[in-house]
PDB file of N, CA and C in Angstrom:
ATOM      1  N   MET A   1     -24.655 199.839  -5.195  1.00  0.00           N
ATOM      2  CA  MET A   1     -25.766 200.719  -5.494  1.00  0.00           C
ATOM      3  C   MET A   1     -27.068 199.939  -5.356  1.00  0.00           C
ATOM      4  N   VAL A   2     -27.989 200.462  -4.614  1.00  0.00           N
ATOM      5  CA  VAL A   2     -29.280 199.831  -4.413  1.00  0.00           C
ATOM      6  C   VAL A   2     -30.298 200.492  -5.337  1.00  0.00           C
ATOM      7  N   ILE A   3     -30.993 199.666  -6.106  1.00  0.00           N
ATOM      8  CA  ILE A   3     -32.017 200.183  -7.010  1.00  0.00           C
ATOM      9  C   ILE A   3     -33.362 200.038  -6.335  1.00  0.00           C
ATOM     10  N   LYS A   4     -34.081 201.127  -6.231  1.00  0.00           N
ATOM     11  CA  LYS A   4     -35.389 201.110  -5.598  1.00  0.00           C
ATOM     12  C   LYS A   4     -36.420 200.519  -6.543  1.00  0.00           C
ATOM     13  N   GLU A   5     -37.437 199.868  -5.966  1.00  0.00           N
ATOM     14  CA  GLU A   5     -38.472 199.234  -6.775  1.00  0.00           C
ATOM     15  C   GLU A   5     -39.178 200.237  -7.678  1.00  0.00           C
ATOM     16  N   GLU A   6     -39.368 201.470  -7.210  1.00  0.00           N
ATOM     17  CA  GLU A   6     -40.024 202.489  -8.030  1.00  0.00           C
ATOM     18  C   GLU A   6     -39.205 202.775  -9.288  1.00  0.00           C
ATOM     19  N   GLU A   7     -37.872 202.793  -9.159  1.00  0.00           N
ATOM     20  CA  GLU A   7     -37.005 203.048 -10.296  1.00  0.00           C
ATOM     21  C   GLU A   7     -37.116 201.923 -11.314  1.00  0.00           C
ATOM     22  N   VAL A   8     -37.201 200.699 -10.825  1.00  0.00           N
ATOM     23  CA  VAL A   8     -37.337 199.543 -11.707  1.00  0.00           C
ATOM     24  C   VAL A   8     -38.662 199.617 -12.446  1.00  0.00           C
ATOM     25  N   GLN A   9     -39.749 199.929 -11.737  1.00  0.00           N
ATOM     26  CA  GLN A   9     -41.061 200.022 -12.367  1.00  0.00           C
ATOM     27  C   GLN A   9     -41.065 201.117 -13.421  1.00  0.00           C
ATOM     28  N   ASP A  10     -40.449 202.267 -13.139  1.00  0.00           N
ATOM     29  CA  ASP A  10     -40.376 203.349 -14.115  1.00  0.00           C
ATOM     30  C   ASP A  10     -39.601 202.905 -15.351  1.00  0.00           C
ATOM     31  N   GLU A  11     -38.514 202.197 -15.129  1.00  0.00           N
ATOM     32  CA  GLU A  11     -37.663 201.738 -16.217  1.00  0.00           C
ATOM     33  C   GLU A  11     -38.391 200.736 -17.115  1.00  0.00           C
ATOM     34  N   LEU A  12     -39.309 199.948 -16.538  1.00  0.00           N
ATOM     35  CA  LEU A  12     -40.016 198.913 -17.283  1.00  0.00           C
ATOM     36  C   LEU A  12     -41.428 199.322 -17.691  1.00  0.00           C
ATOM     37  N   SER A  13     -41.841 200.539 -17.385  1.00  0.00           N
ATOM     38  CA  SER A  13     -43.190 200.960 -17.732  1.00  0.00           C
ATOM     39  C   SER A  13     -43.220 201.517 -19.151  1.00  0.00           C
ATOM     40  N   GLY A  14     -44.423 201.672 -19.666  1.00  0.00           N
ATOM     41  CA  GLY A  14     -44.575 202.207 -21.022  1.00  0.00           C
ATOM     42  C   GLY A  14     -44.064 201.227 -22.051  1.00  0.00           C
ATOM     43  N   SER A  15     -43.155 201.678 -22.884  1.00  0.00           N
ATOM     44  CA  SER A  15     -42.554 200.841 -23.925  1.00  0.00           C
ATOM     45  C   SER A  15     -41.040 200.779 -23.695  1.00  0.00           C
ATOM     46  N   PRO A  16     -40.610 199.904 -22.773  1.00  0.00           N
ATOM     47  CA  PRO A  16     -39.185 199.856 -22.443  1.00  0.00           C
ATOM     48  C   PRO A  16     -38.339 199.265 -23.568  1.00  0.00           C
ATOM     49  N   LYS A  17     -37.097 199.666 -23.590  1.00  0.00           N
ATOM     50  CA  LYS A  17     -36.161 199.118 -24.568  1.00  0.00           C
ATOM     51  C   LYS A  17     -35.944 197.633 -24.290  1.00  0.00           C
ATOM     52  N   LYS A  18     -35.752 196.894 -25.355  1.00  0.00           N
ATOM     53  CA  LYS A  18     -35.548 195.451 -25.257  1.00  0.00           C
ATOM     54  C   LYS A  18     -34.324 195.136 -24.384  1.00  0.00           C
ATOM     55  N   LYS A  19     -33.257 195.926 -24.522  1.00  0.00           N
ATOM     56  CA  LYS A  19     -32.045 195.650 -23.746  1.00  0.00           C
ATOM     57  C   LYS A  19     -32.274 195.872 -22.253  1.00  0.00           C
ATOM     58  N   VAL A  20     -33.122 196.843 -21.900  1.00  0.00           N
ATOM     59  CA  VAL A  20     -33.427 197.101 -20.492  1.00  0.00           C
ATOM     60  C   VAL A  20     -34.194 195.920 -19.902  1.00  0.00           C
ATOM     61  N   VAL A  21     -35.191 195.447 -20.634  1.00  0.00           N
ATOM     62  CA  VAL A  21     -35.981 194.295 -20.174  1.00  0.00           C
ATOM     63  C   VAL A  21     -35.079 193.074 -20.050  1.00  0.00           C
ATOM     64  N   ALA A  22     -34.250 192.840 -21.046  1.00  0.00           N
ATOM     65  CA  ALA A  22     -33.350 191.684 -21.038  1.00  0.00           C
ATOM     66  C   ALA A  22     -32.397 191.727 -19.844  1.00  0.00           C
ATOM     67  N   MET A  23     -31.877 192.901 -19.538  1.00  0.00           N
ATOM     68  CA  MET A  23     -30.949 193.026 -18.408  1.00  0.00           C
ATOM     69  C   MET A  23     -31.647 192.739 -17.077  1.00  0.00           C
ATOM     70  N   HIS A  24     -32.941 192.996 -16.988  1.00  0.00           N
ATOM     71  CA  HIS A  24     -33.684 192.687 -15.766  1.00  0.00           C
ATOM     72  C   HIS A  24     -33.964 191.186 -15.655  1.00  0.00           C
ATOM     73  N   TYR A  25     -34.209 190.524 -16.775  1.00  0.00           N
ATOM     74  CA  TYR A  25     -34.443 189.072 -16.743  1.00  0.00           C
ATOM     75  C   TYR A  25     -33.136 188.284 -16.589  1.00  0.00           C
ATOM     76  N   PHE A  26     -32.055 188.780 -17.156  1.00  0.00           N
ATOM     77  CA  PHE A  26     -30.779 188.059 -17.141  1.00  0.00           C
ATOM     78  C   PHE A  26     -29.696 188.941 -16.530  1.00  0.00           C
ATOM     79  N   LYS A  27     -29.775 189.095 -15.214  1.00  0.00           N
ATOM     80  CA  LYS A  27     -28.908 190.018 -14.482  1.00  0.00           C
ATOM     81  C   LYS A  27     -27.421 189.694 -14.570  1.00  0.00           C
ATOM     82  N   GLY A  28     -27.082 188.439 -14.662  1.00  0.00           N
ATOM     83  CA  GLY A  28     -25.672 188.060 -14.638  1.00  0.00           C
ATOM     84  C   GLY A  28     -24.964 188.185 -15.974  1.00  0.00           C
ATOM     85  N   LEU A  29     -25.692 188.598 -17.009  1.00  0.00           N
ATOM     86  CA  LEU A  29     -25.104 188.668 -18.344  1.00  0.00           C
ATOM     87  C   LEU A  29     -24.860 190.110 -18.755  1.00  0.00           C
ATOM     88  N   GLY A  30     -23.981 190.285 -19.701  1.00  0.00           N
ATOM     89  CA  GLY A  30     -23.766 191.601 -20.288  1.00  0.00           C
ATOM     90  C   GLY A  30     -24.969 191.988 -21.138  1.00  0.00           C
ATOM     91  N   GLU A  31     -24.979 193.217 -21.588  1.00  0.00           N
ATOM     92  CA  GLU A  31     -26.136 193.746 -22.319  1.00  0.00           C
ATOM     93  C   GLU A  31     -26.492 192.908 -23.551  1.00  0.00           C
ATOM     94  N   GLN A  32     -25.550 192.692 -24.450  1.00  0.00           N
ATOM     95  CA  GLN A  32     -25.846 191.951 -25.683  1.00  0.00           C
ATOM     96  C   GLN A  32     -26.167 190.493 -25.396  1.00  0.00           C
ATOM     97  N   ALA A  33     -25.471 189.882 -24.451  1.00  0.00           N
ATOM     98  CA  ALA A  33     -25.742 188.491 -24.096  1.00  0.00           C
ATOM     99  C   ALA A  33     -27.148 188.353 -23.505  1.00  0.00           C
ATOM    100  N   ALA A  34     -27.577 189.344 -22.726  1.00  0.00           N
ATOM    101  CA  ALA A  34     -28.922 189.322 -22.147  1.00  0.00           C
ATOM    102  C   ALA A  34     -29.982 189.442 -23.244  1.00  0.00           C
ATOM    103  N   VAL A  35     -29.762 190.329 -24.204  1.00  0.00           N
ATOM    104  CA  VAL A  35     -30.702 190.473 -25.326  1.00  0.00           C
ATOM    105  C   VAL A  35     -30.765 189.167 -26.117  1.00  0.00           C
ATOM    106  N   ASN A  36     -29.614 188.570 -26.363  1.00  0.00           N
ATOM    107  CA  ASN A  36     -29.583 187.294 -27.088  1.00  0.00           C
ATOM    108  C   ASN A  36     -30.319 186.211 -26.320  1.00  0.00           C
ATOM    109  N   ALA A  37     -30.138 186.165 -25.000  1.00  0.00           N
ATOM    110  CA  ALA A  37     -30.802 185.155 -24.171  1.00  0.00           C
ATOM    111  C   ALA A  37     -32.319 185.342 -24.196  1.00  0.00           C
ATOM    112  N   LEU A  38     -32.781 186.576 -24.071  1.00  0.00           N
ATOM    113  CA  LEU A  38     -34.222 186.843 -24.113  1.00  0.00           C
ATOM    114  C   LEU A  38     -34.784 186.492 -25.488  1.00  0.00           C
ATOM    115  N   SER A  39     -34.085 186.843 -26.537  1.00  0.00           N
ATOM    116  CA  SER A  39     -34.526 186.508 -27.894  1.00  0.00           C
ATOM    117  C   SER A  39     -34.612 184.998 -28.082  1.00  0.00           C
ATOM    118  N   ARG A  40     -33.641 184.283 -27.521  1.00  0.00           N
ATOM    119  CA  ARG A  40     -33.639 182.822 -27.619  1.00  0.00           C
ATOM    120  C   ARG A  40     -34.833 182.219 -26.883  1.00  0.00           C
ATOM    121  N   VAL A  41     -35.131 182.744 -25.686  1.00  0.00           N
ATOM    122  CA  VAL A  41     -36.283 182.257 -24.915  1.00  0.00           C
ATOM    123  C   VAL A  41     -37.564 182.462 -25.713  1.00  0.00           C
ATOM    124  N   ILE A  42     -37.720 183.631 -26.310  1.00  0.00           N
ATOM    125  CA  ILE A  42     -38.920 183.922 -27.106  1.00  0.00           C
ATOM    126  C   ILE A  42     -38.987 182.998 -28.319  1.00  0.00           C
ATOM    127  N   ARG A  43     -37.880 182.824 -29.000  1.00  0.00           N
ATOM    128  CA  ARG A  43     -37.824 181.991 -30.201  1.00  0.00           C
ATOM    129  C   ARG A  43     -38.140 180.525 -29.896  1.00  0.00           C
ATOM    130  N   GLU A  44     -37.652 180.033 -28.749  1.00  0.00           N
ATOM    131  CA  GLU A  44     -37.801 178.612 -28.426  1.00  0.00           C
ATOM    132  C   GLU A  44     -39.107 178.264 -27.723  1.00  0.00           C
ATOM    133  N   ASP A  45     -39.818 179.248 -27.170  1.00  0.00           N
ATOM    134  CA  ASP A  45     -41.104 178.993 -26.521  1.00  0.00           C
ATOM    135  C   ASP A  45     -42.206 179.316 -27.526  1.00  0.00           C
ATOM    136  N   SER A  46     -42.708 178.273 -28.190  1.00  0.00           N
ATOM    137  CA  SER A  46     -43.655 178.485 -29.292  1.00  0.00           C
ATOM    138  C   SER A  46     -44.938 179.181 -28.843  1.00  0.00           C
ATOM    139  N   LYS A  47     -45.418 178.869 -27.652  1.00  0.00           N
ATOM    140  CA  LYS A  47     -46.652 179.513 -27.165  1.00  0.00           C
ATOM    141  C   LYS A  47     -46.417 180.996 -26.889  1.00  0.00           C
ATOM    142  N   LEU A  48     -45.301 181.300 -26.237  1.00  0.00           N
ATOM    143  CA  LEU A  48     -44.949 182.694 -25.963  1.00  0.00           C
ATOM    144  C   LEU A  48     -44.793 183.459 -27.271  1.00  0.00           C
ATOM    145  N   LYS A  49     -44.041 182.907 -28.200  1.00  0.00           N
ATOM    146  CA  LYS A  49     -43.795 183.569 -29.479  1.00  0.00           C
ATOM    147  C   LYS A  49     -45.096 183.794 -30.240  1.00  0.00           C
ATOM    148  N   GLU A  50     -45.954 182.781 -30.272  1.00  0.00           N
ATOM    149  CA  GLU A  50     -47.224 182.897 -30.989  1.00  0.00           C
ATOM    150  C   GLU A  50     -48.109 183.992 -30.382  1.00  0.00           C
ATOM    151  N   GLU A  51     -48.200 184.012 -29.051  1.00  0.00           N
ATOM    152  CA  GLU A  51     -49.030 185.031 -28.404  1.00  0.00           C
ATOM    153  C   GLU A  51     -48.452 186.427 -28.607  1.00  0.00           C
ATOM    154  N   LEU A  52     -47.136 186.551 -28.540  1.00  0.00           N
ATOM    155  CA  LEU A  52     -46.518 187.850 -28.798  1.00  0.00           C
ATOM    156  C   LEU A  52     -46.826 188.328 -30.220  1.00  0.00           C
ATOM    157  N   GLU A  53     -46.762 187.406 -31.174  1.00  0.00           N
ATOM    158  CA  GLU A  53     -46.987 187.784 -32.566  1.00  0.00           C
ATOM    159  C   GLU A  53     -48.458 188.072 -32.861  1.00  0.00           C
ATOM    160  N   THR A  54     -49.365 187.279 -32.308  1.00  0.00           N
ATOM    161  CA  THR A  54     -50.779 187.441 -32.637  1.00  0.00           C
ATOM    162  C   THR A  54     -51.469 188.522 -31.805  1.00  0.00           C
ATOM    163  N   LYS A  55     -51.172 188.580 -30.525  1.00  0.00           N
ATOM    164  CA  LYS A  55     -51.846 189.546 -29.657  1.00  0.00           C
ATOM    165  C   LYS A  55     -51.006 190.789 -29.373  1.00  0.00           C
ATOM    166  N   GLY A  56     -49.698 190.653 -29.457  1.00  0.00           N
ATOM    167  CA  GLY A  56     -48.818 191.756 -29.083  1.00  0.00           C
ATOM    168  C   GLY A  56     -48.149 192.458 -30.247  1.00  0.00           C
ATOM    169  N   HIS A  57     -48.407 191.979 -31.486  1.00  0.00           N
ATOM    170  CA  HIS A  57     -47.811 192.589 -32.680  1.00  0.00           C
ATOM    171  C   HIS A  57     -46.287 192.638 -32.569  1.00  0.00           C
ATOM    172  N   TYR A  58     -45.705 191.533 -32.103  1.00  0.00           N
ATOM    173  CA  TYR A  58     -44.261 191.450 -31.880  1.00  0.00           C
ATOM    174  C   TYR A  58     -43.492 191.467 -33.193  1.00  0.00           C
ATOM    175  N   ASN A  59     -42.440 192.244 -33.238  1.00  0.00           N
ATOM    176  CA  ASN A  59     -41.525 192.293 -34.358  1.00  0.00           C
ATOM    177  C   ASN A  59     -40.125 192.166 -33.768  1.00  0.00           C
ATOM    178  N   LYS A  60     -39.444 191.076 -34.089  1.00  0.00           N
ATOM    179  CA  LYS A  60     -38.138 190.811 -33.475  1.00  0.00           C
ATOM    180  C   LYS A  60     -37.096 191.891 -33.786  1.00  0.00           C
ATOM    181  N   CYS A  61     -37.330 192.688 -34.811  1.00  0.00           N
ATOM    182  CA  CYS A  61     -36.360 193.723 -35.189  1.00  0.00           C
ATOM    183  C   CYS A  61     -36.529 195.033 -34.414  1.00  0.00           C
ATOM    184  N   LYS A  62     -37.641 195.195 -33.719  1.00  0.00           N
ATOM    185  CA  LYS A  62     -37.866 196.414 -32.945  1.00  0.00           C
ATOM    186  C   LYS A  62     -36.976 196.405 -31.703  1.00  0.00           C
ATOM    187  N   HIS A  63     -36.618 197.569 -31.236  1.00  0.00           N
ATOM    188  CA  HIS A  63     -35.718 197.694 -30.091  1.00  0.00           C
ATOM    189  C   HIS A  63     -36.445 198.007 -28.795  1.00  0.00           C
ATOM    190  N   TYR A  64     -37.748 197.846 -28.797  1.00  0.00           N
ATOM    191  CA  TYR A  64     -38.539 198.122 -27.602  1.00  0.00           C
ATOM    192  C   TYR A  64     -39.717 197.155 -27.536  1.00  0.00           C
ATOM    193  N   PHE A  65     -40.330 197.057 -26.361  1.00  0.00           N
ATOM    194  CA  PHE A  65     -41.524 196.241 -26.178  1.00  0.00           C
ATOM    195  C   PHE A  65     -42.710 197.161 -25.923  1.00  0.00           C
ATOM    196  N   LEU A  66     -43.830 196.866 -26.559  1.00  0.00           N
ATOM    197  CA  LEU A  66     -45.071 197.581 -26.298  1.00  0.00           C
ATOM    198  C   LEU A  66     -45.651 197.113 -24.967  1.00  0.00           C
ATOM    199  N   PRO A  67     -46.533 197.913 -24.353  1.00  0.00           N
ATOM    200  CA  PRO A  67     -47.131 197.499 -23.075  1.00  0.00           C
ATOM    201  C   PRO A  67     -47.802 196.118 -23.141  1.00  0.00           C
ATOM    202  N   LYS A  68     -48.504 195.822 -24.231  1.00  0.00           N
ATOM    203  CA  LYS A  68     -49.161 194.513 -24.371  1.00  0.00           C
ATOM    204  C   LYS A  68     -48.113 193.403 -24.429  1.00  0.00           C
ATOM    205  N   GLN A  69     -47.003 193.649 -25.073  1.00  0.00           N
ATOM    206  CA  GLN A  69     -45.925 192.663 -25.138  1.00  0.00           C
ATOM    207  C   GLN A  69     -45.327 192.419 -23.758  1.00  0.00           C
ATOM    208  N   MET A  70     -45.179 193.480 -22.970  1.00  0.00           N
ATOM    209  CA  MET A  70     -44.667 193.332 -21.601  1.00  0.00           C
ATOM    210  C   MET A  70     -45.627 192.492 -20.766  1.00  0.00           C
ATOM    211  N   GLU A  71     -46.912 192.714 -20.949  1.00  0.00           N
ATOM    212  CA  GLU A  71     -47.926 191.933 -20.234  1.00  0.00           C
ATOM    213  C   GLU A  71     -47.798 190.448 -20.581  1.00  0.00           C
ATOM    214  N   ILE A  72     -47.592 190.142 -21.841  1.00  0.00           N
ATOM    215  CA  ILE A  72     -47.431 188.751 -22.286  1.00  0.00           C
ATOM    216  C   ILE A  72     -46.134 188.161 -21.739  1.00  0.00           C
ATOM    217  N   LEU A  73     -45.053 188.922 -21.780  1.00  0.00           N
ATOM    218  CA  LEU A  73     -43.778 188.437 -21.227  1.00  0.00           C
ATOM    219  C   LEU A  73     -43.929 188.096 -19.746  1.00  0.00           C
ATOM    220  N   ARG A  74     -44.594 188.965 -18.996  1.00  0.00           N
ATOM    221  CA  ARG A  74     -44.794 188.707 -17.563  1.00  0.00           C
ATOM    222  C   ARG A  74     -45.645 187.459 -17.341  1.00  0.00           C
ATOM    223  N   LYS A  75     -46.620 187.247 -18.207  1.00  0.00           N
ATOM    224  CA  LYS A  75     -47.486 186.062 -18.098  1.00  0.00           C
ATOM    225  C   LYS A  75     -46.660 184.779 -18.226  1.00  0.00           C
ATOM    226  N   TYR A  76     -45.736 184.751 -19.161  1.00  0.00           N
ATOM    227  CA  TYR A  76     -44.950 183.545 -19.427  1.00  0.00           C
ATOM    228  C   TYR A  76     -43.663 183.455 -18.593  1.00  0.00           C
ATOM    229  N   LEU A  77     -43.025 184.585 -18.348  1.00  0.00           N
ATOM    230  CA  LEU A  77     -41.710 184.575 -17.692  1.00  0.00           C
ATOM    231  C   LEU A  77     -41.714 185.107 -16.267  1.00  0.00           C
ATOM    232  N   GLY A  78     -42.847 185.643 -15.825  1.00  0.00           N
ATOM    233  CA  GLY A  78     -42.907 186.252 -14.497  1.00  0.00           C
ATOM    234  C   GLY A  78     -42.368 187.670 -14.557  1.00  0.00           C
ATOM    235  N   ASP A  79     -42.372 188.336 -13.415  1.00  0.00           N
ATOM    236  CA  ASP A  79     -41.826 189.695 -13.369  1.00  0.00           C
ATOM    237  C   ASP A  79     -40.324 189.646 -13.576  1.00  0.00           C
ATOM    238  N   PRO A  80     -39.777 190.610 -14.287  1.00  0.00           N
ATOM    239  CA  PRO A  80     -38.352 190.597 -14.611  1.00  0.00           C
ATOM    240  C   PRO A  80     -37.414 190.509 -13.413  1.00  0.00           C
ATOM    241  N   ASP A  81     -37.794 191.044 -12.297  1.00  0.00           N
ATOM    242  CA  ASP A  81     -36.870 191.069 -11.152  1.00  0.00           C
ATOM    243  C   ASP A  81     -37.196 190.061 -10.058  1.00  0.00           C
ATOM    244  N   ASP A  82     -38.017 189.080 -10.371  1.00  0.00           N
ATOM    245  CA  ASP A  82     -38.331 188.033  -9.362  1.00  0.00           C
ATOM    246  C   ASP A  82     -37.280 186.975  -9.344  1.00  0.00           C
TER     247      ASP A  82
END
């Protein structure tokens, strides 16, 4: 199955679910493993975590990312499908 770029952008626009974002960053992992990997990256990158918390109002318990949080993630991690 080929996923079109427009479908990916729609899936990641607005306030996407954390598991959807994680699956795009960690394609080779299962859903929960991808979420765990993304959470670990955020936890271990102090600059990323600080910016998410101060500018993006990040809450690790939420199941979605706000648009500002997605912008910060892209700044530090690049586009999810690169």
